[in-house]
Amino acid sequence: MLFYDCSTAPSPRRARMFLAEKGLEPETHDISIAEGQQLQPEFLVVNPRATLPVLVTDTGTTLTENLGIAAYLEAQHPEPPLMGRTPDEKGLVLMWNAIAEQQGGQPIAEALRNSNPHMKDRAIPGPQNYEQIPELAERGKARVGTFFDVLEERLQESPFLAANHFTLADITAFVFVDFARVIKMRIPEVNTASRSWFDNIAARPSALQ
């Protein structure tokens, strides 16, 4: 396998954590988004959509989305199970993964990309340029606050998001919650279940990847 990473971005970190939990260490190339390396011709040959992460499988298939990468790795290396053991768990993992992406990751990205002066004209990842919309930054921050409430409600009743064990959904939510620091938002002090969940995951070796 060949893994294209970016050590500073949240989406590649999700794939790094998944790989680490599986005990896998593929050949890795670090692509600097800050330096615009994802827009260079050499990388666009790998992924014309100019996004990271990318996993090229042993048979040459190019996977450019976290869910596709996770599904491939789970099928190839089923232990430990990170996408659910039972039909119900599998459904819950994908459900909570989607919630974390849509209600956590997306608004954090909107808040960052529409307010950071270094991302002028780069409000959306990919090869095309898009102007910033300041109103989306404010809305994004409000949505992140709501996401923290959603997490707390769920984690008050379960030690992990999708099952009684660590899964892909926890990786996705953890990475985005951690990345929320870039918009100066953290788990509220009163959200004790969420803070305990976060600290427990932060202590896992994969979280250091």
N, C-alpha and C. Protein backbone atom coordinates (compact mmCIF):
# COMPACT_ATOMS: atom_id res chain seq x y z
N MET A 1 0.84 -1.20 0.00
CA MET A 1 0.00 0.00 0.00
C MET A 1 0.87 1.25 0.00
N LEU A 2 0.29 2.33 -0.51
CA LEU A 2 0.96 3.63 -0.53
C LEU A 2 -0.01 4.67 0.03
N PHE A 3 0.42 5.38 1.06
CA PHE A 3 -0.45 6.31 1.76
C PHE A 3 0.05 7.74 1.56
N TYR A 4 -0.85 8.61 1.10
CA TYR A 4 -0.54 10.03 0.95
C TYR A 4 -1.21 10.77 2.11
N ASP A 5 -0.39 11.45 2.89
CA ASP A 5 -0.78 12.01 4.17
C ASP A 5 -0.56 13.52 4.17
N CYS A 6 -1.10 14.19 5.17
CA CYS A 6 -0.74 15.57 5.50
C CYS A 6 -0.76 15.65 7.01
N SER A 7 0.38 15.86 7.61
CA SER A 7 0.51 15.73 9.06
C SER A 7 -0.26 16.79 9.84
N THR A 8 -0.70 17.86 9.19
CA THR A 8 -1.37 18.95 9.90
C THR A 8 -2.88 18.99 9.70
N ALA A 9 -3.42 18.13 8.86
CA ALA A 9 -4.84 18.21 8.51
C ALA A 9 -5.65 17.11 9.20
N PRO A 10 -6.92 17.38 9.53
CA PRO A 10 -7.72 16.40 10.26
C PRO A 10 -8.11 15.17 9.46
N SER A 11 -8.47 15.32 8.20
CA SER A 11 -8.93 14.15 7.44
C SER A 11 -7.85 13.09 7.30
N PRO A 12 -6.61 13.45 6.93
CA PRO A 12 -5.57 12.42 6.91
C PRO A 12 -5.30 11.81 8.28
N ARG A 13 -5.45 12.60 9.34
CA ARG A 13 -5.23 12.05 10.68
C ARG A 13 -6.22 10.93 10.96
N ARG A 14 -7.44 11.04 10.49
CA ARG A 14 -8.42 9.98 10.69
C ARG A 14 -7.91 8.67 10.09
N ALA A 15 -7.38 8.74 8.87
CA ALA A 15 -6.85 7.53 8.23
C ALA A 15 -5.61 7.03 8.96
N ARG A 16 -4.75 7.94 9.44
CA ARG A 16 -3.57 7.52 10.19
C ARG A 16 -3.96 6.75 11.44
N MET A 17 -4.98 7.25 12.16
CA MET A 17 -5.41 6.57 13.37
C MET A 17 -5.97 5.19 13.04
N PHE A 18 -6.75 5.10 11.97
CA PHE A 18 -7.32 3.81 11.58
C PHE A 18 -6.20 2.83 11.24
N LEU A 19 -5.22 3.28 10.48
CA LEU A 19 -4.08 2.42 10.14
C LEU A 19 -3.34 1.98 11.40
N ALA A 20 -3.13 2.92 12.32
CA ALA A 20 -2.40 2.58 13.56
C ALA A 20 -3.15 1.58 14.40
N GLU A 21 -4.48 1.73 14.49
CA GLU A 21 -5.28 0.78 15.26
C GLU A 21 -5.21 -0.62 14.66
N LYS A 22 -5.02 -0.69 13.35
CA LYS A 22 -4.88 -1.98 12.66
C LYS A 22 -3.45 -2.51 12.70
N GLY A 23 -2.53 -1.69 13.22
CA GLY A 23 -1.14 -2.12 13.27
C GLY A 23 -0.44 -2.09 11.92
N LEU A 24 -0.90 -1.22 11.01
CA LEU A 24 -0.35 -1.16 9.66
C LEU A 24 0.55 0.06 9.49
N GLU A 25 1.62 -0.12 8.75
CA GLU A 25 2.57 0.97 8.51
C GLU A 25 2.93 1.00 7.03
N PRO A 26 2.04 1.51 6.18
CA PRO A 26 2.33 1.55 4.74
C PRO A 26 3.38 2.60 4.40
N GLU A 27 3.96 2.47 3.23
CA GLU A 27 4.85 3.53 2.73
C GLU A 27 4.03 4.82 2.66
N THR A 28 4.61 5.90 3.18
CA THR A 28 3.85 7.14 3.33
C THR A 28 4.58 8.32 2.69
N HIS A 29 3.80 9.16 2.01
CA HIS A 29 4.31 10.42 1.47
C HIS A 29 3.53 11.55 2.11
N ASP A 30 4.23 12.50 2.74
CA ASP A 30 3.55 13.64 3.38
C ASP A 30 3.42 14.77 2.37
N ILE A 31 2.20 15.21 2.16
CA ILE A 31 1.89 16.28 1.21
C ILE A 31 1.49 17.51 2.01
N SER A 32 2.21 18.60 1.89
CA SER A 32 1.94 19.79 2.68
C SER A 32 0.84 20.63 2.04
N ILE A 33 -0.31 20.67 2.70
CA ILE A 33 -1.40 21.53 2.23
C ILE A 33 -1.02 22.99 2.40
N ALA A 34 -0.31 23.31 3.48
CA ALA A 34 0.10 24.70 3.73
C ALA A 34 0.97 25.24 2.59
N GLU A 35 1.76 24.36 2.00
CA GLU A 35 2.62 24.77 0.89
C GLU A 35 1.97 24.57 -0.47
N GLY A 36 0.72 24.10 -0.47
CA GLY A 36 -0.01 23.91 -1.73
C GLY A 36 0.45 22.72 -2.55
N GLN A 37 1.11 21.76 -1.90
CA GLN A 37 1.62 20.61 -2.65
C GLN A 37 0.51 19.74 -3.24
N GLN A 38 -0.69 19.81 -2.64
CA GLN A 38 -1.80 19.01 -3.17
C GLN A 38 -2.29 19.54 -4.52
N LEU A 39 -1.85 20.74 -4.89
CA LEU A 39 -2.26 21.35 -6.16
C LEU A 39 -1.19 21.22 -7.24
N GLN A 40 -0.07 20.61 -6.90
CA GLN A 40 1.01 20.45 -7.86
C GLN A 40 0.72 19.30 -8.82
N PRO A 41 1.23 19.39 -10.05
CA PRO A 41 0.94 18.36 -11.06
C PRO A 41 1.28 16.95 -10.60
N GLU A 42 2.37 16.82 -9.82
CA GLU A 42 2.78 15.48 -9.38
C GLU A 42 1.72 14.80 -8.54
N PHE A 43 1.05 15.59 -7.68
CA PHE A 43 0.02 14.99 -6.84
C PHE A 43 -1.31 14.88 -7.59
N LEU A 44 -1.59 15.81 -8.46
CA LEU A 44 -2.85 15.76 -9.21
C LEU A 44 -2.93 14.52 -10.09
N VAL A 45 -1.78 13.95 -10.44
CA VAL A 45 -1.78 12.68 -11.17
C VAL A 45 -2.34 11.57 -10.26
N VAL A 46 -2.04 11.66 -8.97
CA VAL A 46 -2.52 10.68 -8.00
C VAL A 46 -3.99 10.91 -7.71
N ASN A 47 -4.36 12.16 -7.42
CA ASN A 47 -5.74 12.50 -7.09
C ASN A 47 -6.10 13.84 -7.73
N PRO A 48 -6.78 13.81 -8.87
CA PRO A 48 -7.13 15.06 -9.57
C PRO A 48 -8.03 15.98 -8.75
N ARG A 49 -8.66 15.47 -7.70
CA ARG A 49 -9.52 16.31 -6.86
C ARG A 49 -8.71 17.06 -5.80
N ALA A 50 -7.42 16.79 -5.72
CA ALA A 50 -6.49 17.55 -4.87
C ALA A 50 -6.87 17.50 -3.39
N THR A 51 -7.33 16.34 -2.93
CA THR A 51 -7.68 16.19 -1.52
C THR A 51 -6.86 15.05 -0.91
N LEU A 52 -6.78 15.09 0.41
CA LEU A 52 -6.09 14.07 1.20
C LEU A 52 -7.03 13.59 2.29
N PRO A 53 -6.87 12.33 2.73
CA PRO A 53 -5.84 11.35 2.41
C PRO A 53 -6.11 10.60 1.12
N VAL A 54 -5.09 9.86 0.68
CA VAL A 54 -5.22 8.95 -0.44
C VAL A 54 -4.52 7.65 -0.05
N LEU A 55 -5.17 6.53 -0.32
CA LEU A 55 -4.55 5.22 -0.14
C LEU A 55 -4.58 4.49 -1.47
N VAL A 56 -3.40 4.09 -1.95
CA VAL A 56 -3.31 3.25 -3.14
C VAL A 56 -3.11 1.82 -2.66
N THR A 57 -4.04 0.96 -3.00
CA THR A 57 -4.03 -0.42 -2.49
C THR A 57 -2.96 -1.25 -3.19
N ASP A 58 -2.77 -2.46 -2.68
CA ASP A 58 -1.77 -3.36 -3.25
C ASP A 58 -2.08 -3.73 -4.70
N THR A 59 -3.35 -3.64 -5.08
CA THR A 59 -3.72 -3.96 -6.46
C THR A 59 -3.79 -2.72 -7.34
N GLY A 60 -3.46 -1.54 -6.78
CA GLY A 60 -3.41 -0.32 -7.58
C GLY A 60 -4.66 0.52 -7.56
N THR A 61 -5.65 0.14 -6.77
CA THR A 61 -6.86 0.96 -6.66
C THR A 61 -6.56 2.20 -5.81
N THR A 62 -7.02 3.35 -6.28
CA THR A 62 -6.80 4.61 -5.56
C THR A 62 -8.06 4.99 -4.80
N LEU A 63 -7.94 5.08 -3.48
CA LEU A 63 -9.06 5.44 -2.61
C LEU A 63 -8.81 6.83 -2.04
N THR A 64 -9.78 7.74 -2.23
CA THR A 64 -9.56 9.14 -1.86
C THR A 64 -10.53 9.66 -0.81
N GLU A 65 -11.27 8.78 -0.18
CA GLU A 65 -12.20 9.18 0.88
C GLU A 65 -11.98 8.29 2.10
N ASN A 66 -12.10 8.89 3.29
CA ASN A 66 -11.86 8.14 4.52
C ASN A 66 -12.73 6.90 4.64
N LEU A 67 -14.00 7.02 4.28
CA LEU A 67 -14.89 5.87 4.45
C LEU A 67 -14.48 4.72 3.53
N GLY A 68 -14.06 5.04 2.31
CA GLY A 68 -13.58 4.01 1.40
C GLY A 68 -12.30 3.37 1.89
N ILE A 69 -11.40 4.20 2.41
CA ILE A 69 -10.14 3.68 2.96
C ILE A 69 -10.43 2.75 4.14
N ALA A 70 -11.32 3.18 5.04
CA ALA A 70 -11.64 2.37 6.21
C ALA A 70 -12.30 1.06 5.81
N ALA A 71 -13.22 1.11 4.85
CA ALA A 71 -13.90 -0.12 4.42
C ALA A 71 -12.90 -1.11 3.82
N TYR A 72 -11.98 -0.61 3.03
CA TYR A 72 -10.96 -1.49 2.44
C TYR A 72 -10.09 -2.12 3.52
N LEU A 73 -9.60 -1.29 4.44
CA LEU A 73 -8.71 -1.81 5.49
C LEU A 73 -9.43 -2.79 6.40
N GLU A 74 -10.70 -2.52 6.70
CA GLU A 74 -11.47 -3.42 7.55
C GLU A 74 -11.66 -4.78 6.87
N ALA A 75 -11.89 -4.74 5.55
CA ALA A 75 -12.08 -6.00 4.82
C ALA A 75 -10.77 -6.79 4.74
N GLN A 76 -9.67 -6.09 4.57
CA GLN A 76 -8.38 -6.75 4.46
C GLN A 76 -7.82 -7.19 5.81
N HIS A 77 -8.13 -6.41 6.84
CA HIS A 77 -7.59 -6.66 8.18
C HIS A 77 -8.73 -6.51 9.21
N PRO A 78 -9.56 -7.52 9.35
CA PRO A 78 -10.77 -7.39 10.16
C PRO A 78 -10.55 -7.23 11.66
N GLU A 79 -9.37 -7.52 12.15
CA GLU A 79 -9.10 -7.39 13.58
C GLU A 79 -8.11 -6.26 13.84
N PRO A 80 -8.35 -5.45 14.85
CA PRO A 80 -9.58 -5.39 15.65
C PRO A 80 -10.71 -4.77 14.83
N PRO A 81 -11.95 -5.15 15.11
CA PRO A 81 -13.08 -4.63 14.33
C PRO A 81 -13.36 -3.17 14.67
N LEU A 82 -13.24 -2.30 13.69
CA LEU A 82 -13.46 -0.86 13.90
C LEU A 82 -14.72 -0.35 13.20
N MET A 83 -15.42 -1.26 12.50
CA MET A 83 -16.64 -0.84 11.80
C MET A 83 -17.84 -1.68 12.21
N GLY A 84 -17.76 -2.25 13.42
CA GLY A 84 -18.89 -2.98 13.96
C GLY A 84 -18.76 -4.48 13.81
N ARG A 85 -19.28 -5.20 14.82
CA ARG A 85 -19.24 -6.67 14.79
C ARG A 85 -20.56 -7.25 14.30
N THR A 86 -21.66 -6.66 14.71
CA THR A 86 -22.99 -7.16 14.36
C THR A 86 -23.64 -6.24 13.34
N PRO A 87 -24.72 -6.68 12.68
CA PRO A 87 -25.42 -5.80 11.75
C PRO A 87 -25.84 -4.47 12.39
N ASP A 88 -26.34 -4.54 13.63
CA ASP A 88 -26.75 -3.31 14.30
C ASP A 88 -25.55 -2.38 14.53
N GLU A 89 -24.44 -2.96 15.01
CA GLU A 89 -23.25 -2.14 15.24
C GLU A 89 -22.74 -1.52 13.95
N LYS A 90 -22.73 -2.28 12.88
CA LYS A 90 -22.26 -1.75 11.60
C LYS A 90 -23.10 -0.55 11.17
N GLY A 91 -24.40 -0.65 11.35
CA GLY A 91 -25.28 0.47 11.02
C GLY A 91 -25.02 1.67 11.89
N LEU A 92 -24.83 1.43 13.20
CA LEU A 92 -24.59 2.53 14.13
C LEU A 92 -23.24 3.20 13.88
N VAL A 93 -22.24 2.43 13.51
CA VAL A 93 -20.93 3.02 13.22
C VAL A 93 -21.04 3.99 12.06
N LEU A 94 -21.68 3.56 10.98
CA LEU A 94 -21.81 4.45 9.82
C LEU A 94 -22.71 5.63 10.13
N MET A 95 -23.74 5.42 10.94
CA MET A 95 -24.63 6.52 11.31
C MET A 95 -23.87 7.59 12.10
N TRP A 96 -23.14 7.17 13.15
CA TRP A 96 -22.44 8.14 13.98
C TRP A 96 -21.23 8.73 13.25
N ASN A 97 -20.65 7.98 12.35
CA ASN A 97 -19.57 8.54 11.53
C ASN A 97 -20.12 9.68 10.67
N ALA A 98 -21.29 9.47 10.09
CA ALA A 98 -21.91 10.51 9.27
C ALA A 98 -22.28 11.73 10.11
N ILE A 99 -22.81 11.49 11.32
CA ILE A 99 -23.15 12.60 12.21
C ILE A 99 -21.90 13.42 12.53
N ALA A 100 -20.81 12.72 12.84
CA ALA A 100 -19.56 13.42 13.17
C ALA A 100 -19.05 14.22 11.99
N GLU A 101 -19.14 13.68 10.79
CA GLU A 101 -18.69 14.39 9.59
C GLU A 101 -19.56 15.60 9.29
N GLN A 102 -20.88 15.38 9.28
CA GLN A 102 -21.80 16.41 8.82
C GLN A 102 -22.09 17.48 9.87
N GLN A 103 -22.15 17.07 11.14
CA GLN A 103 -22.51 18.02 12.19
C GLN A 103 -21.31 18.52 12.98
N GLY A 104 -20.14 17.87 12.78
CA GLY A 104 -18.92 18.30 13.47
C GLY A 104 -17.88 18.80 12.50
N GLY A 105 -17.41 17.90 11.63
CA GLY A 105 -16.34 18.26 10.71
C GLY A 105 -16.69 19.36 9.74
N GLN A 106 -17.88 19.28 9.17
CA GLN A 106 -18.26 20.28 8.17
C GLN A 106 -18.34 21.70 8.75
N PRO A 107 -19.03 21.91 9.87
CA PRO A 107 -19.08 23.27 10.41
C PRO A 107 -17.73 23.78 10.90
N ILE A 108 -16.87 22.90 11.42
CA ILE A 108 -15.53 23.34 11.80
C ILE A 108 -14.78 23.83 10.57
N ALA A 109 -14.87 23.08 9.48
CA ALA A 109 -14.21 23.48 8.24
C ALA A 109 -14.78 24.79 7.71
N GLU A 110 -16.10 24.95 7.79
CA GLU A 110 -16.72 26.20 7.33
C GLU A 110 -16.22 27.38 8.15
N ALA A 111 -16.15 27.19 9.47
CA ALA A 111 -15.70 28.28 10.33
C ALA A 111 -14.26 28.65 10.04
N LEU A 112 -13.41 27.65 9.85
CA LEU A 112 -11.99 27.92 9.60
C LEU A 112 -11.77 28.52 8.22
N ARG A 113 -12.30 27.86 7.20
CA ARG A 113 -11.99 28.25 5.84
C ARG A 113 -12.63 29.58 5.43
N ASN A 114 -13.67 29.98 6.12
CA ASN A 114 -14.32 31.24 5.78
C ASN A 114 -13.89 32.39 6.67
N SER A 115 -12.91 32.17 7.53
CA SER A 115 -12.45 33.24 8.41
C SER A 115 -10.93 33.41 8.41
N ASN A 116 -10.19 32.35 8.12
CA ASN A 116 -8.73 32.41 8.19
C ASN A 116 -8.17 33.16 6.98
N PRO A 117 -7.41 34.26 7.22
CA PRO A 117 -6.88 35.02 6.08
C PRO A 117 -5.93 34.22 5.20
N HIS A 118 -5.30 33.17 5.75
CA HIS A 118 -4.41 32.34 4.95
C HIS A 118 -5.18 31.46 3.97
N MET A 119 -6.50 31.37 4.13
CA MET A 119 -7.32 30.55 3.24
C MET A 119 -8.18 31.41 2.32
N LYS A 120 -7.75 32.63 2.09
CA LYS A 120 -8.45 33.51 1.15
C LYS A 120 -8.55 32.82 -0.21
N ASP A 121 -9.77 32.78 -0.74
CA ASP A 121 -10.08 32.12 -2.01
C ASP A 121 -9.93 30.60 -1.97
N ARG A 122 -9.76 30.02 -0.76
CA ARG A 122 -9.64 28.57 -0.63
C ARG A 122 -10.69 28.06 0.35
N ALA A 123 -11.92 28.58 0.23
CA ALA A 123 -12.96 28.25 1.20
C ALA A 123 -13.43 26.81 1.10
N ILE A 124 -13.15 26.15 -0.03
CA ILE A 124 -13.54 24.75 -0.21
C ILE A 124 -12.32 23.99 -0.74
N PRO A 125 -12.01 22.82 -0.18
CA PRO A 125 -10.86 22.05 -0.69
C PRO A 125 -11.08 21.63 -2.14
N GLY A 126 -9.98 21.40 -2.83
CA GLY A 126 -10.07 20.94 -4.21
C GLY A 126 -9.32 21.84 -5.16
N PRO A 127 -9.36 21.54 -6.44
CA PRO A 127 -8.57 22.31 -7.42
C PRO A 127 -9.15 23.68 -7.75
N GLN A 128 -10.45 23.90 -7.49
CA GLN A 128 -11.06 25.20 -7.79
C GLN A 128 -10.95 26.14 -6.59
N ASN A 129 -10.89 27.43 -6.86
CA ASN A 129 -10.87 28.44 -5.80
C ASN A 129 -12.28 28.96 -5.55
N TYR A 130 -12.60 29.18 -4.27
CA TYR A 130 -13.89 29.73 -3.87
C TYR A 130 -13.67 30.82 -2.84
N GLU A 131 -14.41 31.92 -2.99
CA GLU A 131 -14.28 33.04 -2.07
C GLU A 131 -14.83 32.68 -0.69
N GLN A 132 -14.29 33.33 0.32
CA GLN A 132 -14.79 33.16 1.68
C GLN A 132 -16.14 33.86 1.85
N ILE A 133 -16.97 33.27 2.71
CA ILE A 133 -18.26 33.86 3.08
C ILE A 133 -18.27 33.99 4.60
N PRO A 134 -18.01 35.17 5.14
CA PRO A 134 -17.89 35.33 6.59
C PRO A 134 -19.08 34.81 7.38
N GLU A 135 -20.29 34.93 6.82
CA GLU A 135 -21.48 34.47 7.53
C GLU A 135 -21.43 32.96 7.80
N LEU A 136 -20.79 32.21 6.89
CA LEU A 136 -20.68 30.77 7.10
C LEU A 136 -19.76 30.45 8.28
N ALA A 137 -18.78 31.32 8.53
CA ALA A 137 -17.90 31.11 9.67
C ALA A 137 -18.68 31.23 10.98
N GLU A 138 -19.52 32.23 11.07
CA GLU A 138 -20.32 32.41 12.30
C GLU A 138 -21.32 31.28 12.47
N ARG A 139 -21.96 30.90 11.38
CA ARG A 139 -22.90 29.77 11.46
C ARG A 139 -22.17 28.49 11.85
N GLY A 140 -20.96 28.29 11.31
CA GLY A 140 -20.19 27.10 11.63
C GLY A 140 -19.91 26.99 13.11
N LYS A 141 -19.52 28.08 13.75
CA LYS A 141 -19.23 28.05 15.18
C LYS A 141 -20.48 27.70 15.98
N ALA A 142 -21.62 28.24 15.59
CA ALA A 142 -22.86 27.91 16.29
C ALA A 142 -23.19 26.42 16.15
N ARG A 143 -22.95 25.88 14.96
CA ARG A 143 -23.23 24.47 14.73
C ARG A 143 -22.29 23.57 15.53
N VAL A 144 -21.04 23.99 15.70
CA VAL A 144 -20.10 23.20 16.51
C VAL A 144 -20.58 23.11 17.95
N GLY A 145 -21.11 24.22 18.48
CA GLY A 145 -21.67 24.19 19.82
C GLY A 145 -22.79 23.17 19.95
N THR A 146 -23.64 23.10 18.94
CA THR A 146 -24.72 22.11 18.93
C THR A 146 -24.16 20.69 18.84
N PHE A 147 -23.10 20.52 18.06
CA PHE A 147 -22.46 19.20 17.93
C PHE A 147 -21.93 18.72 19.28
N PHE A 148 -21.33 19.61 20.05
CA PHE A 148 -20.86 19.23 21.38
C PHE A 148 -22.01 18.74 22.25
N ASP A 149 -23.18 19.35 22.11
CA ASP A 149 -24.36 18.91 22.87
C ASP A 149 -24.81 17.52 22.43
N VAL A 150 -24.78 17.27 21.12
CA VAL A 150 -25.17 15.96 20.58
C VAL A 150 -24.24 14.87 21.13
N LEU A 151 -22.94 15.15 21.12
CA LEU A 151 -21.98 14.19 21.66
C LEU A 151 -22.25 13.90 23.13
N GLU A 152 -22.45 14.95 23.90
CA GLU A 152 -22.64 14.76 25.33
C GLU A 152 -23.87 13.93 25.63
N GLU A 153 -24.95 14.19 24.93
CA GLU A 153 -26.18 13.41 25.15
C GLU A 153 -25.94 11.93 24.88
N ARG A 154 -25.24 11.62 23.78
CA ARG A 154 -24.97 10.23 23.45
C ARG A 154 -24.00 9.60 24.45
N LEU A 155 -22.94 10.32 24.81
CA LEU A 155 -21.90 9.74 25.66
C LEU A 155 -22.32 9.66 27.12
N GLN A 156 -23.40 10.29 27.48
CA GLN A 156 -23.97 10.09 28.82
C GLN A 156 -24.55 8.69 28.96
N GLU A 157 -24.88 8.06 27.82
CA GLU A 157 -25.51 6.74 27.87
C GLU A 157 -24.64 5.63 27.30
N SER A 158 -23.49 5.96 26.73
CA SER A 158 -22.62 4.96 26.12
C SER A 158 -21.18 5.40 26.25
N PRO A 159 -20.24 4.47 26.54
CA PRO A 159 -18.84 4.86 26.67
C PRO A 159 -18.20 5.26 25.35
N PHE A 160 -18.77 4.78 24.25
CA PHE A 160 -18.29 5.13 22.92
C PHE A 160 -19.51 5.50 22.08
N LEU A 161 -19.26 6.11 20.92
CA LEU A 161 -20.37 6.66 20.15
C LEU A 161 -21.30 5.61 19.55
N ALA A 162 -20.72 4.57 18.94
CA ALA A 162 -21.56 3.66 18.16
C ALA A 162 -21.78 2.31 18.81
N ALA A 163 -20.91 1.92 19.73
CA ALA A 163 -20.99 0.59 20.33
C ALA A 163 -20.36 0.66 21.71
N ASN A 164 -20.20 -0.50 22.34
CA ASN A 164 -19.56 -0.52 23.66
C ASN A 164 -18.05 -0.68 23.54
N HIS A 165 -17.54 -0.48 22.32
CA HIS A 165 -16.10 -0.53 22.08
C HIS A 165 -15.73 0.56 21.06
N PHE A 166 -14.44 0.83 20.96
CA PHE A 166 -13.89 1.87 20.10
C PHE A 166 -14.10 1.52 18.63
N THR A 167 -14.57 2.50 17.83
CA THR A 167 -14.81 2.26 16.41
C THR A 167 -14.40 3.47 15.57
N LEU A 168 -14.59 3.32 14.27
CA LEU A 168 -14.34 4.41 13.32
C LEU A 168 -15.07 5.68 13.71
N ALA A 169 -16.29 5.55 14.22
CA ALA A 169 -17.07 6.74 14.60
C ALA A 169 -16.35 7.55 15.68
N ASP A 170 -15.71 6.86 16.61
CA ASP A 170 -14.96 7.56 17.66
C ASP A 170 -13.73 8.26 17.08
N ILE A 171 -13.07 7.62 16.13
CA ILE A 171 -11.92 8.25 15.48
C ILE A 171 -12.35 9.54 14.82
N THR A 172 -13.42 9.49 14.04
CA THR A 172 -13.88 10.66 13.30
C THR A 172 -14.26 11.79 14.24
N ALA A 173 -15.06 11.49 15.25
CA ALA A 173 -15.50 12.53 16.18
C ALA A 173 -14.32 13.08 16.98
N PHE A 174 -13.44 12.21 17.44
CA PHE A 174 -12.29 12.66 18.23
C PHE A 174 -11.41 13.62 17.44
N VAL A 175 -11.10 13.26 16.21
CA VAL A 175 -10.22 14.10 15.40
C VAL A 175 -10.85 15.47 15.17
N PHE A 176 -12.14 15.51 14.89
CA PHE A 176 -12.78 16.80 14.65
C PHE A 176 -12.90 17.62 15.93
N VAL A 177 -13.22 16.97 17.04
CA VAL A 177 -13.28 17.70 18.31
C VAL A 177 -11.92 18.30 18.64
N ASP A 178 -10.86 17.52 18.43
CA ASP A 178 -9.52 18.02 18.69
C ASP A 178 -9.19 19.18 17.75
N PHE A 179 -9.57 19.06 16.49
CA PHE A 179 -9.26 20.09 15.49
C PHE A 179 -10.04 21.38 15.73
N ALA A 180 -11.12 21.31 16.49
CA ALA A 180 -11.91 22.51 16.77
C ALA A 180 -11.09 23.59 17.48
N ARG A 181 -9.91 23.22 17.97
CA ARG A 181 -9.05 24.22 18.60
C ARG A 181 -8.67 25.33 17.62
N VAL A 182 -8.66 25.03 16.32
CA VAL A 182 -8.25 26.03 15.34
C VAL A 182 -9.29 27.15 15.21
N ILE A 183 -10.51 26.89 15.68
CA ILE A 183 -11.53 27.95 15.70
C ILE A 183 -11.82 28.35 17.14
N LYS A 184 -10.89 27.97 18.04
CA LYS A 184 -10.96 28.36 19.45
C LYS A 184 -12.22 27.85 20.14
N MET A 185 -12.58 26.60 19.84
CA MET A 185 -13.71 25.96 20.49
C MET A 185 -13.26 24.63 21.08
N ARG A 186 -13.66 24.39 22.33
CA ARG A 186 -13.32 23.17 23.03
C ARG A 186 -14.57 22.59 23.68
N ILE A 187 -14.50 21.33 24.10
CA ILE A 187 -15.61 20.71 24.82
C ILE A 187 -15.88 21.53 26.08
N PRO A 188 -17.13 21.93 26.31
CA PRO A 188 -17.43 22.69 27.53
C PRO A 188 -17.09 21.90 28.79
N GLU A 189 -16.68 22.61 29.83
CA GLU A 189 -16.30 21.98 31.10
C GLU A 189 -17.43 21.12 31.66
N VAL A 190 -18.68 21.56 31.46
CA VAL A 190 -19.82 20.84 32.04
C VAL A 190 -20.13 19.54 31.31
N ASN A 191 -19.56 19.35 30.13
CA ASN A 191 -19.81 18.13 29.35
C ASN A 191 -18.85 17.02 29.81
N THR A 192 -19.10 16.52 31.01
CA THR A 192 -18.15 15.62 31.65
C THR A 192 -18.00 14.27 30.93
N ALA A 193 -19.08 13.76 30.38
CA ALA A 193 -18.98 12.48 29.66
C ALA A 193 -18.12 12.64 28.41
N SER A 194 -18.30 13.74 27.71
CA SER A 194 -17.52 13.99 26.50
C SER A 194 -16.05 14.20 26.82
N ARG A 195 -15.78 14.90 27.90
CA ARG A 195 -14.38 15.15 28.27
C ARG A 195 -13.68 13.84 28.67
N SER A 196 -14.38 12.98 29.37
CA SER A 196 -13.82 11.69 29.74
C SER A 196 -13.55 10.84 28.51
N TRP A 197 -14.53 10.79 27.59
CA TRP A 197 -14.38 10.07 26.33
C TRP A 197 -13.18 10.60 25.55
N PHE A 198 -13.06 11.91 25.45
CA PHE A 198 -11.96 12.52 24.71
C PHE A 198 -10.61 12.17 25.33
N ASP A 199 -10.52 12.28 26.64
CA ASP A 199 -9.26 11.99 27.32
C ASP A 199 -8.86 10.53 27.16
N ASN A 200 -9.84 9.63 27.21
CA ASN A 200 -9.55 8.20 27.04
C ASN A 200 -8.98 7.91 25.65
N ILE A 201 -9.55 8.54 24.64
CA ILE A 201 -9.07 8.31 23.27
C ILE A 201 -7.71 8.98 23.08
N ALA A 202 -7.52 10.15 23.65
CA ALA A 202 -6.25 10.85 23.53
C ALA A 202 -5.10 10.04 24.10
N ALA A 203 -5.41 9.14 25.03
CA ALA A 203 -4.37 8.30 25.66
C ALA A 203 -4.02 7.08 24.81
N ARG A 204 -4.78 6.81 23.75
CA ARG A 204 -4.49 5.65 22.91
C ARG A 204 -3.25 5.96 22.05
N PRO A 205 -2.39 4.98 21.81
CA PRO A 205 -1.21 5.22 20.97
C PRO A 205 -1.56 5.78 19.58
N SER A 206 -2.69 5.35 19.03
CA SER A 206 -3.05 5.82 17.69
C SER A 206 -3.32 7.32 17.65
N ALA A 207 -3.71 7.90 18.78
CA ALA A 207 -4.01 9.34 18.81
C ALA A 207 -2.76 10.18 18.68
N LEU A 208 -1.61 9.57 18.86
CA LEU A 208 -0.33 10.29 18.75
C LEU A 208 0.17 10.31 17.32
N GLN A 209 -0.55 9.61 16.44
CA GLN A 209 -0.12 9.56 15.04
C GLN A 209 -0.36 10.89 14.34
